[in-house]
Amino acid sequence: MDFLKDLWGFMKERKKFWLLPIILSLLLFGTLIVFSSGTAIAPFIYTLF
């Protein structure tokens, strides 16, 4: 949790709020790949990349 506080402090102080959507989309795609790696959805997910 400390990492998230540090990241938010960095973005707030340096006015880098444009990083937030990039980080959230990377986290979303990462969790999607992890949770669907063993299912039948996996071949369709990997075609996105």
C-alpha atoms as a PDB file:
ATOM      1  CA  MET A   1       0.000   0.000   0.000  1.00  0.00           C
ATOM      2  CA  ASP A   2       2.964   2.279   0.600  1.00  0.00           C
ATOM      3  CA  PHE A   3       3.887   2.044  -3.079  1.00  0.00           C
ATOM      4  CA  LEU A   4       0.497   3.407  -4.105  1.00  0.00           C
ATOM      5  CA  LYS A   5       0.853   6.328  -1.692  1.00  0.00           C
ATOM      6  CA  ASP A   6       4.286   7.118  -3.103  1.00  0.00           C
ATOM      7  CA  LEU A   7       3.006   6.863  -6.661  1.00  0.00           C
ATOM      8  CA  TRP A   8       0.051   9.150  -5.926  1.00  0.00           C
ATOM      9  CA  GLY A   9       2.370  11.632  -4.164  1.00  0.00           C
ATOM     10  CA  PHE A  10       4.661  11.669  -7.202  1.00  0.00           C
ATOM     11  CA  MET A  11       1.808  12.253  -9.633  1.00  0.00           C
ATOM     12  CA  LYS A  12       0.278  14.936  -7.431  1.00  0.00           C
ATOM     13  CA  GLU A  13       3.509  16.868  -6.867  1.00  0.00           C
ATOM     14  CA  ARG A  14       4.787  16.716 -10.446  1.00  0.00           C
ATOM     15  CA  LYS A  15       1.330  17.171 -12.058  1.00  0.00           C
ATOM     16  CA  LYS A  16       1.597  13.875 -13.957  1.00  0.00           C
ATOM     17  CA  PHE A  17      -2.070  12.920 -13.759  1.00  0.00           C
ATOM     18  CA  TRP A  18      -1.960  11.690 -17.355  1.00  0.00           C
ATOM     19  CA  LEU A  19      -0.108   8.613 -16.042  1.00  0.00           C
ATOM     20  CA  LEU A  20      -3.168   7.405 -14.140  1.00  0.00           C
ATOM     21  CA  PRO A  21      -5.165   6.093 -17.143  1.00  0.00           C
ATOM     22  CA  ILE A  22      -2.058   4.359 -18.501  1.00  0.00           C
ATOM     23  CA  ILE A  23      -1.363   2.628 -15.192  1.00  0.00           C
ATOM     24  CA  LEU A  24      -5.000   1.592 -14.762  1.00  0.00           C
ATOM     25  CA  SER A  25      -5.220   0.148 -18.275  1.00  0.00           C
ATOM     26  CA  LEU A  26      -1.998  -1.818 -17.774  1.00  0.00           C
ATOM     27  CA  LEU A  27      -3.335  -3.213 -14.503  1.00  0.00           C
ATOM     28  CA  LEU A  28      -6.625  -4.127 -16.164  1.00  0.00           C
ATOM     29  CA  PHE A  29      -4.949  -5.964 -19.046  1.00  0.00           C
ATOM     30  CA  GLY A  30      -2.553  -7.681 -16.649  1.00  0.00           C
ATOM     31  CA  THR A  31      -5.314  -9.020 -14.440  1.00  0.00           C
ATOM     32  CA  LEU A  32      -7.323 -10.045 -17.487  1.00  0.00           C
ATOM     33  CA  ILE A  33      -4.396 -12.107 -18.797  1.00  0.00           C
ATOM     34  CA  VAL A  34      -3.665 -13.672 -15.401  1.00  0.00           C
ATOM     35  CA  PHE A  35      -7.244 -14.701 -14.683  1.00  0.00           C
ATOM     36  CA  SER A  36      -8.007 -15.961 -18.183  1.00  0.00           C
ATOM     37  CA  SER A  37      -4.761 -17.806 -18.871  1.00  0.00           C
ATOM     38  CA  GLY A  38      -6.225 -21.206 -18.040  1.00  0.00           C
ATOM     39  CA  THR A  39      -9.574 -20.810 -19.740  1.00  0.00           C
ATOM     40  CA  ALA A  40     -10.921 -21.062 -23.258  1.00  0.00           C
ATOM     41  CA  ILE A  41     -10.865 -17.259 -23.531  1.00  0.00           C
ATOM     42  CA  ALA A  42      -7.057 -17.164 -23.585  1.00  0.00           C
ATOM     43  CA  PRO A  43      -6.589 -17.476 -27.393  1.00  0.00           C
ATOM     44  CA  PHE A  44      -8.926 -14.530 -27.945  1.00  0.00           C
ATOM     45  CA  ILE A  45      -7.152 -12.394 -25.339  1.00  0.00           C
ATOM     46  CA  TYR A  46      -3.716 -13.014 -26.858  1.00  0.00           C
ATOM     47  CA  THR A  47      -4.921 -11.893 -30.300  1.00  0.00           C
ATOM     48  CA  LEU A  48      -5.450  -8.417 -28.848  1.00  0.00           C
ATOM     49  CA  PHE A  49      -1.725  -8.046 -28.426  1.00  0.00           C
END
